[in-house]
């Protein structure tokens, strides 16, 4: 890592914890972290004080309010307002503190619902968003545009990375607010323990989704911090996808649940397909290493040890 000190915002979450693991393995760097109990990122004065006191050379923003379709539909105000507060505070305070480089983590949900597949970076703002996660997507788009505005107006080296669907250690396995892979893993585990004969999956099972292990993402983010200095968005993903049904089948096989899959057609599918065009990052010289089955297996091993903690 070419920076001597890095503030990782959201270091206890799925992405932030992976970033911390990766940075510790790949260089002598001072990591600056604060838990939610120690710092409310929605408090601008507190964020300003942190940046002023610690003076990090680089900032990675992995902090966000996140959740699946159900959580986004139920709490649109919180998903829009809290994410705007968190990212605006961190980005603005980083500039004032003279941070040399900032990486803002977005989401593939920033792209239009009907974007051509695979989705290239220039698809942003070319069409309507998927309604089920529109508030979160709008917040992330605002974060990207704020980083680009600082780059254009002040020459700040603020970059943005758009990951595909993520999973791994420290994921959220709560069925009320988790994303699809973690929810399926939890459901399969519970169904196995309860001796059930079937597992219910939201939607039709036909939508196609791409998944990236959080450790692969963290490695890609470190690569961008070391090798990329343009304000233009960069996608981070596998470039391969599976149907939700295929995902559920892999999860059940890994967990050891042998029952039938049932599909609740009354629940929303979300976008029909969401596959990222990752050729830009590939040309820069990076690609992922952890296969979907291998990643699900290691995540389930972590869940068995730590998931209920």
Protein backbone atom coordinates (compact mmCIF):
# COMPACT_ATOMS: atom_id res chain seq x y z
CA UNK A 1 0.00 0.00 0.00
CA UNK A 2 1.51 3.30 -1.03
CA UNK A 3 -0.22 5.22 1.77
CA UNK A 4 1.13 5.19 5.32
CA UNK A 5 -2.26 5.72 7.01
CA UNK A 6 -5.76 4.78 5.84
CA UNK A 7 -9.12 5.53 7.42
CA UNK A 8 -11.52 2.66 6.73
CA UNK A 9 -15.07 3.85 7.39
CA UNK A 10 -17.39 0.92 8.14
CA UNK A 11 -14.57 -1.43 9.15
CA UNK A 12 -16.85 -3.88 10.98
CA UNK A 13 -19.15 -4.58 8.04
CA UNK A 14 -18.93 -7.06 5.19
CA UNK A 15 -16.74 -4.90 2.95
CA UNK A 16 -14.90 -2.86 5.57
CA UNK A 17 -13.72 -5.91 7.52
CA UNK A 18 -12.44 -7.47 4.28
CA UNK A 19 -10.58 -4.26 3.42
CA UNK A 20 -8.94 -4.25 6.85
CA UNK A 21 -7.87 -7.90 6.44
CA UNK A 22 -6.45 -7.19 3.01
CA UNK A 23 -4.51 -4.07 4.02
CA UNK A 24 -3.00 -5.84 7.02
CA UNK A 25 -1.80 -8.66 4.79
CA UNK A 26 -0.33 -6.42 2.12
CA UNK A 27 1.87 -3.81 3.70
CA UNK A 28 2.88 -1.77 6.69
CA UNK A 29 0.02 0.70 7.00
CA UNK A 30 -1.62 2.45 9.95
CA UNK A 31 -5.32 1.63 9.92
CA UNK A 32 -7.67 4.18 11.43
CA UNK A 33 -11.07 2.79 12.45
CA UNK A 34 -13.98 3.77 14.65
CA UNK A 35 -16.96 1.65 15.67
CA UNK A 36 -20.53 2.93 15.55
CA UNK A 37 -20.45 3.32 19.31
CA UNK A 38 -17.32 5.47 19.05
CA UNK A 39 -18.44 7.64 16.14
CA UNK A 40 -21.76 8.50 14.51
CA UNK A 41 -20.87 9.13 10.85
CA UNK A 42 -24.12 11.08 10.45
CA UNK A 43 -22.68 13.75 12.77
CA UNK A 44 -20.70 16.19 10.62
CA UNK A 45 -18.85 17.81 13.53
CA UNK A 46 -17.72 14.42 14.83
CA UNK A 47 -16.51 13.35 11.39
CA UNK A 48 -14.66 16.64 10.89
CA UNK A 49 -12.98 16.17 14.25
CA UNK A 50 -11.90 12.61 13.44
CA UNK A 51 -10.30 13.59 10.13
CA UNK A 52 -8.65 16.64 11.68
CA UNK A 53 -7.20 14.68 14.61
CA UNK A 54 -6.06 11.54 12.77
CA UNK A 55 -4.93 13.12 9.46
CA UNK A 56 -5.13 9.96 7.29
CA UNK A 57 -3.37 10.01 3.93
CA UNK A 58 -6.18 7.95 2.37
CA UNK A 59 -9.84 7.20 3.08
CA UNK A 60 -11.92 4.20 1.99
CA UNK A 61 -15.67 4.65 2.45
CA UNK A 62 -17.25 1.26 3.07
CA UNK A 63 -19.79 2.60 5.56
CA UNK A 64 -23.43 2.61 4.47
CA UNK A 65 -26.92 1.62 5.50
CA UNK A 66 -27.54 -1.52 3.44
CA UNK A 67 -30.20 -4.20 3.07
CA UNK A 68 -32.18 -6.36 0.68
CA UNK A 69 -35.43 -5.74 -1.18
CA UNK A 70 -37.60 -6.03 1.93
CA UNK A 71 -35.56 -3.58 3.99
CA UNK A 72 -35.32 -1.07 1.14
CA UNK A 73 -39.06 -1.20 0.55
CA UNK A 74 -39.87 -0.79 4.25
CA UNK A 75 -37.43 2.02 5.12
CA UNK A 76 -36.92 4.26 2.05
CA UNK A 77 -36.42 7.43 4.13
CA UNK A 78 -33.61 5.90 6.19
CA UNK A 79 -31.91 4.38 3.16
CA UNK A 80 -31.85 7.71 1.35
CA UNK A 81 -31.24 10.14 4.20
CA UNK A 82 -28.71 8.20 6.29
CA UNK A 83 -26.57 7.23 3.31
CA UNK A 84 -26.51 10.82 2.10
CA UNK A 85 -25.46 12.03 5.55
CA UNK A 86 -22.72 9.41 5.96
CA UNK A 87 -21.08 9.87 2.57
CA UNK A 88 -21.45 13.65 2.39
CA UNK A 89 -19.81 14.05 5.80
CA UNK A 90 -16.89 11.75 4.98
CA UNK A 91 -16.22 13.12 1.50
CA UNK A 92 -16.40 16.78 2.53
CA UNK A 93 -14.35 16.28 5.71
CA UNK A 94 -11.70 14.34 3.76
CA UNK A 95 -11.23 17.24 1.38
CA UNK A 96 -10.99 19.78 4.19
CA UNK A 97 -8.43 17.57 5.99
CA UNK A 98 -6.24 17.32 2.90
CA UNK A 99 -6.67 13.58 2.31
CA UNK A 100 -4.46 12.51 -0.61
CA UNK A 101 -6.86 9.91 -2.00
CA UNK A 102 -10.40 8.76 -1.29
CA UNK A 103 -12.26 5.70 -2.56
CA UNK A 104 -16.05 5.80 -2.47
CA UNK A 105 -17.80 2.45 -2.62
CA UNK A 106 -21.00 2.51 -4.63
CA UNK A 107 -23.27 -0.32 -5.74
CA UNK A 108 -24.36 -1.94 -8.98
CA UNK A 109 -27.92 -0.83 -8.18
CA UNK A 110 -26.97 2.65 -9.43
CA UNK A 111 -27.55 1.41 -12.96
CA UNK A 112 -30.92 1.59 -14.75
CA UNK A 113 -33.31 -1.33 -14.43
CA UNK A 114 -33.27 -1.88 -18.20
CA UNK A 115 -29.56 -1.21 -18.79
CA UNK A 116 -27.97 -3.30 -21.58
CA UNK A 117 -26.20 -6.39 -20.24
CA UNK A 118 -23.43 -6.65 -19.22
CA UNK A 119 -23.66 -3.18 -17.69
CA UNK A 120 -20.85 -0.80 -18.62
CA UNK A 121 -19.87 2.14 -16.44
CA UNK A 122 -21.34 4.70 -18.87
CA UNK A 123 -24.87 3.33 -18.30
CA UNK A 124 -25.30 5.45 -15.17
CA UNK A 125 -28.25 7.89 -15.39
CA UNK A 126 -29.39 6.58 -18.79
CA UNK A 127 -32.77 5.27 -17.57
CA UNK A 128 -35.14 4.66 -14.64
CA UNK A 129 -33.84 2.79 -11.60
CA UNK A 130 -35.21 -0.43 -10.12
CA UNK A 131 -38.02 0.83 -7.79
CA UNK A 132 -37.31 -1.69 -5.00
CA UNK A 133 -33.94 -0.10 -4.15
CA UNK A 134 -34.26 3.36 -5.68
CA UNK A 135 -33.59 5.37 -2.46
CA UNK A 136 -30.30 3.54 -1.83
CA UNK A 137 -29.30 3.86 -5.48
CA UNK A 138 -30.02 7.58 -5.54
CA UNK A 139 -27.84 8.12 -2.49
CA UNK A 140 -24.98 6.21 -4.09
CA UNK A 141 -25.31 8.16 -7.34
CA UNK A 142 -25.11 11.39 -5.33
CA UNK A 143 -21.90 10.11 -3.69
CA UNK A 144 -20.34 9.37 -7.07
CA UNK A 145 -21.27 12.78 -8.40
CA UNK A 146 -19.92 14.50 -5.29
CA UNK A 147 -16.56 12.75 -5.69
CA UNK A 148 -16.47 13.73 -9.36
CA UNK A 149 -17.39 17.31 -8.46
CA UNK A 150 -14.45 17.55 -6.01
CA UNK A 151 -12.17 16.12 -8.69
CA UNK A 152 -13.38 18.55 -11.35
CA UNK A 153 -13.54 21.68 -9.20
CA UNK A 154 -10.56 21.14 -6.89
CA UNK A 155 -8.46 18.40 -8.50
CA UNK A 156 -9.12 16.00 -5.62
CA UNK A 157 -8.07 12.38 -6.20
CA UNK A 158 -11.47 10.96 -5.23
CA UNK A 159 -12.39 7.74 -7.07
CA UNK A 160 -15.48 5.50 -7.10
CA UNK A 161 -15.82 1.73 -7.41
CA UNK A 162 -19.08 -0.09 -8.20
CA UNK A 163 -19.13 -3.66 -6.87
CA UNK A 164 -21.57 -6.34 -7.89
CA UNK A 165 -23.58 -8.34 -5.30
CA UNK A 166 -21.32 -9.22 -2.38
CA UNK A 167 -21.08 -11.95 0.25
CA UNK A 168 -18.57 -13.31 2.76
CA UNK A 169 -17.57 -13.15 6.44
CA UNK A 170 -19.43 -10.52 8.50
CA UNK A 171 -22.34 -10.53 6.08
CA UNK A 172 -25.82 -9.81 7.46
CA UNK A 173 -27.73 -13.08 7.92
CA UNK A 174 -30.88 -11.55 9.41
CA UNK A 175 -33.80 -12.62 7.25
CA UNK A 176 -35.54 -9.28 7.64
CA UNK A 177 -32.73 -7.21 6.14
CA UNK A 178 -30.20 -9.50 4.41
CA UNK A 179 -29.35 -9.79 0.73
CA UNK A 180 -30.26 -12.84 -1.33
CA UNK A 181 -27.17 -15.04 -0.88
CA UNK A 182 -26.91 -14.58 2.88
CA UNK A 183 -30.68 -15.03 3.24
CA UNK A 184 -30.62 -18.29 1.27
CA UNK A 185 -27.68 -19.58 3.28
CA UNK A 186 -29.48 -18.84 6.54
CA UNK A 187 -32.74 -20.36 5.29
CA UNK A 188 -31.00 -23.54 4.11
CA UNK A 189 -29.14 -23.86 7.41
CA UNK A 190 -32.32 -23.41 9.46
CA UNK A 191 -34.28 -25.79 7.22
CA UNK A 192 -31.58 -28.44 7.59
CA UNK A 193 -31.56 -28.16 11.38
CA UNK A 194 -35.36 -28.26 11.54
CA UNK A 195 -35.58 -31.27 9.24
CA UNK A 196 -37.86 -29.46 6.78
CA UNK A 197 -38.72 -30.95 3.42
CA UNK A 198 -38.70 -27.68 1.46
CA UNK A 199 -37.17 -24.21 1.35
CA UNK A 200 -39.07 -21.12 0.23
CA UNK A 201 -37.29 -18.72 -2.15
CA UNK A 202 -38.56 -15.22 -2.92
CA UNK A 203 -39.75 -14.60 -6.47
CA UNK A 204 -39.65 -16.88 -9.49
CA UNK A 205 -36.02 -17.97 -9.31
CA UNK A 206 -35.39 -16.76 -12.87
CA UNK A 207 -33.52 -13.44 -12.30
CA UNK A 208 -29.80 -13.66 -12.96
CA UNK A 209 -27.32 -12.28 -10.47
CA UNK A 210 -23.55 -11.92 -10.24
CA UNK A 211 -21.73 -12.46 -6.94
CA UNK A 212 -18.29 -11.47 -5.67
CA UNK A 213 -16.64 -12.58 -2.43
CA UNK A 214 -15.80 -9.67 -0.14
CA UNK A 215 -12.14 -10.69 0.02
CA UNK A 216 -11.93 -10.45 -3.77
CA UNK A 217 -13.56 -7.02 -3.63
CA UNK A 218 -11.10 -5.85 -0.98
CA UNK A 219 -8.21 -6.96 -3.16
CA UNK A 220 -9.70 -5.09 -6.12
CA UNK A 221 -10.15 -1.95 -4.04
CA UNK A 222 -6.51 -2.05 -2.88
CA UNK A 223 -5.50 -2.45 -6.53
CA UNK A 224 -7.50 0.65 -7.47
CA UNK A 225 -6.03 2.66 -4.59
CA UNK A 226 -2.55 1.80 -5.87
CA UNK A 227 -3.13 1.98 -9.62
CA UNK A 228 -6.13 4.15 -10.56
CA UNK A 229 -6.46 7.92 -10.24
CA UNK A 230 -9.36 8.96 -12.51
CA UNK A 231 -12.79 10.16 -11.32
CA UNK A 232 -14.61 7.86 -13.77
CA UNK A 233 -16.49 4.94 -12.18
CA UNK A 234 -14.95 1.45 -12.23
CA UNK A 235 -17.01 -1.75 -11.99
CA UNK A 236 -15.73 -4.56 -9.76
CA UNK A 237 -17.17 -8.03 -10.31
CA UNK A 238 -16.77 -11.50 -11.82
CA UNK A 239 -18.35 -10.89 -15.21
CA UNK A 240 -20.35 -14.12 -14.75
CA UNK A 241 -23.83 -14.70 -13.32
CA UNK A 242 -26.28 -17.42 -12.23
CA UNK A 243 -30.04 -17.60 -11.80
CA UNK A 244 -31.46 -17.29 -8.31
CA UNK A 245 -32.59 -20.91 -8.65
CA UNK A 246 -29.04 -22.01 -9.50
CA UNK A 247 -27.72 -20.00 -6.57
CA UNK A 248 -30.21 -21.65 -4.21
CA UNK A 249 -29.19 -25.07 -5.49
CA UNK A 250 -25.49 -24.37 -4.84
CA UNK A 251 -26.26 -23.01 -1.37
CA UNK A 252 -28.36 -26.05 -0.46
CA UNK A 253 -25.66 -28.40 -1.72
CA UNK A 254 -22.96 -26.63 0.33
CA UNK A 255 -25.13 -26.53 3.47
CA UNK A 256 -26.28 -30.12 3.03
CA UNK A 257 -30.00 -29.43 2.74
CA UNK A 258 -31.60 -32.01 0.45
CA UNK A 259 -35.21 -30.78 0.44
CA UNK A 260 -37.16 -29.23 -2.41
CA UNK A 261 -37.09 -25.60 -3.51
CA UNK A 262 -40.38 -23.69 -3.59
CA UNK A 263 -40.79 -20.23 -5.10
CA UNK A 264 -43.07 -17.50 -3.74
CA UNK A 265 -44.26 -15.73 -6.91
CA UNK A 266 -46.01 -13.06 -4.82
CA UNK A 267 -42.62 -11.64 -3.84
CA UNK A 268 -40.70 -9.26 -6.14
CA UNK A 269 -37.89 -10.49 -8.36
CA UNK A 270 -36.14 -7.16 -8.72
CA UNK A 271 -34.36 -6.53 -12.03
CA UNK A 272 -34.37 -9.48 -14.45
CA UNK A 273 -30.59 -9.46 -14.79
CA UNK A 274 -27.71 -7.50 -13.30
CA UNK A 275 -24.32 -8.43 -14.74
CA UNK A 276 -21.44 -5.96 -14.74
CA UNK A 277 -19.06 -5.30 -17.60
CA UNK A 278 -15.71 -5.63 -15.81
CA UNK A 279 -13.49 -5.26 -18.88
CA UNK A 280 -12.22 -1.86 -17.72
CA UNK A 281 -10.78 -3.25 -14.49
CA UNK A 282 -9.49 -6.31 -16.34
CA UNK A 283 -7.55 -4.11 -18.75
CA UNK A 284 -6.02 -2.33 -15.77
CA UNK A 285 -4.66 -5.71 -14.65
CA UNK A 286 -6.96 -7.14 -11.96
CA UNK A 287 -9.35 -10.10 -11.81
CA UNK A 288 -11.06 -12.06 -8.98
CA UNK A 289 -9.88 -15.47 -7.73
CA UNK A 290 -12.58 -16.95 -5.45
CA UNK A 291 -15.17 -19.09 -7.27
CA UNK A 292 -18.82 -18.90 -6.22
CA UNK A 293 -18.98 -22.41 -4.76
CA UNK A 294 -15.65 -21.99 -2.96
CA UNK A 295 -16.75 -18.63 -1.59
CA UNK A 296 -20.12 -19.93 -0.39
CA UNK A 297 -18.40 -22.85 1.33
CA UNK A 298 -15.94 -20.62 3.19
CA UNK A 299 -18.74 -18.20 4.11
CA UNK A 300 -20.83 -21.04 5.51
CA UNK A 301 -17.83 -22.24 7.53
CA UNK A 302 -17.55 -18.72 8.97
CA UNK A 303 -21.29 -18.64 9.67
CA UNK A 304 -21.12 -21.90 11.61
CA UNK A 305 -18.42 -20.41 13.84
CA UNK A 306 -19.47 -16.77 14.06
CA UNK A 307 -22.81 -16.19 12.36
CA UNK A 308 -25.01 -16.30 15.44
CA UNK A 309 -22.64 -14.17 17.50
